[in-house]
Amino acid sequence: MPNAIYYVSYKLKKGVSVPEFLEASKALNDGYMSKERGYISWKQLNNGDEWVDLATFETLEDAKRVSNPTEPNELAQKFYSFINLPSCKARIYSIERSYE
C-alpha cells in the first residue's frame, strides 16, 4: 500500500508567539508523533497567517489512526492551544505517485 499524507491547514490564534508554537510542535513531534507506528515525517509550512502540516505515514491506516487518537494527549493539547480551531481543515490523502 502507498504512503499517506495527513494534511491540516489552519491559522494561529491572534497574538500567539510563533517561537512558542514551534516549540510545542517540536515537543509533539518528538514526544508523540515520531513514536507512532508508520510515522515517516512531519513538515510545517507557512504562508503569512496560514499554516499547513504535512505528516507522512507508511499507510493510510496509520495516518487515520494518528488523526483520531483514542485518548487525550497532553502534548497535542498544548499544540492545539495555539491554533484557531475553527480555521482547521484536515484531510488524509494516499500518495499515488511521487516525483523527486
C-alpha atoms as a PDB file:
ATOM      1  CA  MET A   1       0.000   0.000   0.000  1.00  0.00           C
ATOM      2  CA  PRO A   2       1.321   3.514  -0.806  1.00  0.00           C
ATOM      3  CA  ASN A   3       2.298   6.113   1.765  1.00  0.00           C
ATOM      4  CA  ALA A   4      -0.286   8.565   3.075  1.00  0.00           C
ATOM      5  CA  ILE A   5      -0.291  12.254   3.996  1.00  0.00           C
ATOM      6  CA  TYR A   6      -2.235  13.740   6.882  1.00  0.00           C
ATOM      7  CA  TYR A   7      -2.829  17.330   5.680  1.00  0.00           C
ATOM      8  CA  VAL A   8      -4.042  20.057   8.026  1.00  0.00           C
ATOM      9  CA  SER A   9      -4.335  23.777   7.222  1.00  0.00           C
ATOM     10  CA  TYR A  10      -5.028  26.294   9.978  1.00  0.00           C
ATOM     11  CA  LYS A  11      -4.390  29.750  11.390  1.00  0.00           C
ATOM     12  CA  LEU A  12      -2.865  30.543  14.739  1.00  0.00           C
ATOM     13  CA  LYS A  13      -4.797  32.456  17.367  1.00  0.00           C
ATOM     14  CA  LYS A  14      -4.163  36.209  17.387  1.00  0.00           C
ATOM     15  CA  GLY A  15      -1.172  37.195  19.490  1.00  0.00           C
ATOM     16  CA  VAL A  16       0.369  33.719  19.577  1.00  0.00           C
ATOM     17  CA  SER A  17       4.147  33.565  19.832  1.00  0.00           C
ATOM     18  CA  VAL A  18       5.377  31.675  16.765  1.00  0.00           C
ATOM     19  CA  PRO A  19       8.582  30.504  18.546  1.00  0.00           C
ATOM     20  CA  GLU A  20       6.451  29.094  21.412  1.00  0.00           C
ATOM     21  CA  PHE A  21       4.124  27.422  18.897  1.00  0.00           C
ATOM     22  CA  LEU A  22       7.100  25.846  17.117  1.00  0.00           C
ATOM     23  CA  GLU A  23       8.440  24.621  20.487  1.00  0.00           C
ATOM     24  CA  ALA A  24       5.072  22.955  21.145  1.00  0.00           C
ATOM     25  CA  SER A  25       5.185  21.442  17.646  1.00  0.00           C
ATOM     26  CA  LYS A  26       8.647  20.005  18.269  1.00  0.00           C
ATOM     27  CA  ALA A  27       7.556  18.592  21.631  1.00  0.00           C
ATOM     28  CA  LEU A  28       4.515  16.944  19.987  1.00  0.00           C
ATOM     29  CA  ASN A  29       6.682  15.528  17.202  1.00  0.00           C
ATOM     30  CA  ASP A  30       9.426  14.245  19.497  1.00  0.00           C
ATOM     31  CA  GLY A  31       7.164  13.001  22.285  1.00  0.00           C
ATOM     32  CA  TYR A  32       4.288  11.504  20.329  1.00  0.00           C
ATOM     33  CA  MET A  33       4.104  11.696  16.534  1.00  0.00           C
ATOM     34  CA  SER A  34       7.546  10.277  15.771  1.00  0.00           C
ATOM     35  CA  LYS A  35       6.817   7.317  18.060  1.00  0.00           C
ATOM     36  CA  GLU A  36       3.620   6.319  16.302  1.00  0.00           C
ATOM     37  CA  ARG A  37       3.572   3.245  14.071  1.00  0.00           C
ATOM     38  CA  GLY A  38       4.130   4.140  10.429  1.00  0.00           C
ATOM     39  CA  TYR A  39       5.414   7.681  11.047  1.00  0.00           C
ATOM     40  CA  ILE A  40       7.814   8.938   8.366  1.00  0.00           C
ATOM     41  CA  SER A  41       7.962  12.737   8.682  1.00  0.00           C
ATOM     42  CA  TRP A  42       6.148  15.933   9.594  1.00  0.00           C
ATOM     43  CA  LYS A  43       6.625  19.186   7.692  1.00  0.00           C
ATOM     44  CA  GLN A  44       5.184  22.538   8.775  1.00  0.00           C
ATOM     45  CA  LEU A  45       4.610  25.117   6.054  1.00  0.00           C
ATOM     46  CA  ASN A  46       3.768  28.791   6.472  1.00  0.00           C
ATOM     47  CA  ASN A  47       2.429  31.470   4.139  1.00  0.00           C
ATOM     48  CA  GLY A  48       1.729  34.567   6.193  1.00  0.00           C
ATOM     49  CA  ASP A  49      -1.131  33.729   8.539  1.00  0.00           C
ATOM     50  CA  GLU A  50      -1.856  30.293   7.037  1.00  0.00           C
ATOM     51  CA  TRP A  51      -0.050  27.197   8.286  1.00  0.00           C
ATOM     52  CA  VAL A  52      -0.061  23.694   6.808  1.00  0.00           C
ATOM     53  CA  ASP A  53       1.084  20.470   8.429  1.00  0.00           C
ATOM     54  CA  LEU A  54       2.048  17.566   6.174  1.00  0.00           C
ATOM     55  CA  ALA A  55       2.584  14.393   8.181  1.00  0.00           C
ATOM     56  CA  THR A  56       3.668  11.398   6.113  1.00  0.00           C
ATOM     57  CA  PHE A  57       2.884   7.835   7.203  1.00  0.00           C
ATOM     58  CA  GLU A  58       3.614   4.412   5.763  1.00  0.00           C
ATOM     59  CA  THR A  59      -0.060   3.540   5.268  1.00  0.00           C
ATOM     60  CA  LEU A  60      -3.476   5.157   5.082  1.00  0.00           C
ATOM     61  CA  GLU A  61      -4.454   3.222   8.206  1.00  0.00           C
ATOM     62  CA  ASP A  62      -1.501   4.675  10.159  1.00  0.00           C
ATOM     63  CA  ALA A  63      -2.499   8.230   9.169  1.00  0.00           C
ATOM     64  CA  LYS A  64      -6.142   7.623  10.103  1.00  0.00           C
ATOM     65  CA  ARG A  65      -5.187   6.190  13.490  1.00  0.00           C
ATOM     66  CA  VAL A  66      -2.989   9.184  14.376  1.00  0.00           C
ATOM     67  CA  SER A  67      -5.600  11.675  13.155  1.00  0.00           C
ATOM     68  CA  ASN A  68      -8.190  10.159  15.545  1.00  0.00           C
ATOM     69  CA  PRO A  69      -6.394   9.382  18.829  1.00  0.00           C
ATOM     70  CA  THR A  70      -8.337   7.297  21.345  1.00  0.00           C
ATOM     71  CA  GLU A  71      -7.066   9.114  24.431  1.00  0.00           C
ATOM     72  CA  PRO A  72      -6.204  12.746  25.199  1.00  0.00           C
ATOM     73  CA  ASN A  73      -2.569  13.642  24.670  1.00  0.00           C
ATOM     74  CA  GLU A  74      -1.074  16.461  26.767  1.00  0.00           C
ATOM     75  CA  LEU A  75       1.421  17.363  24.025  1.00  0.00           C
ATOM     76  CA  ALA A  76      -1.342  17.592  21.409  1.00  0.00           C
ATOM     77  CA  GLN A  77      -3.494  19.690  23.738  1.00  0.00           C
ATOM     78  CA  LYS A  78      -0.618  22.168  24.185  1.00  0.00           C
ATOM     79  CA  PHE A  79      -0.049  22.271  20.392  1.00  0.00           C
ATOM     80  CA  TYR A  80      -3.746  22.863  19.669  1.00  0.00           C
ATOM     81  CA  SER A  81      -3.949  25.615  22.315  1.00  0.00           C
ATOM     82  CA  PHE A  82      -2.094  27.873  19.819  1.00  0.00           C
ATOM     83  CA  ILE A  83      -4.452  27.152  16.910  1.00  0.00           C
ATOM     84  CA  ASN A  84      -7.662  28.884  15.880  1.00  0.00           C
ATOM     85  CA  LEU A  85      -9.577  25.592  15.746  1.00  0.00           C
ATOM     86  CA  PRO A  86     -12.487  26.814  13.552  1.00  0.00           C
ATOM     87  CA  SER A  87      -9.896  27.577  10.850  1.00  0.00           C
ATOM     88  CA  CYS A  88      -8.686  23.943  10.690  1.00  0.00           C
ATOM     89  CA  LYS A  89      -9.228  21.902   7.565  1.00  0.00           C
ATOM     90  CA  ALA A  90      -7.920  18.343   7.726  1.00  0.00           C
ATOM     91  CA  ARG A  91      -7.729  15.633   5.079  1.00  0.00           C
ATOM     92  CA  ILE A  92      -5.926  12.350   4.608  1.00  0.00           C
ATOM     93  CA  TYR A  93      -4.572  11.513   1.164  1.00  0.00           C
ATOM     94  CA  SER A  94      -2.915   8.416  -0.214  1.00  0.00           C
ATOM     95  CA  ILE A  95       0.174   9.131  -2.279  1.00  0.00           C
ATOM     96  CA  GLU A  96      -0.457   7.775  -5.746  1.00  0.00           C
ATOM     97  CA  ARG A  97       2.791   8.979  -7.296  1.00  0.00           C
ATOM     98  CA  SER A  98       5.773  10.989  -6.115  1.00  0.00           C
ATOM     99  CA  TYR A  99       8.315  12.869  -8.222  1.00  0.00           C
ATOM    100  CA  GLU A 100      11.615  13.593  -6.505  1.00  0.00           C
END
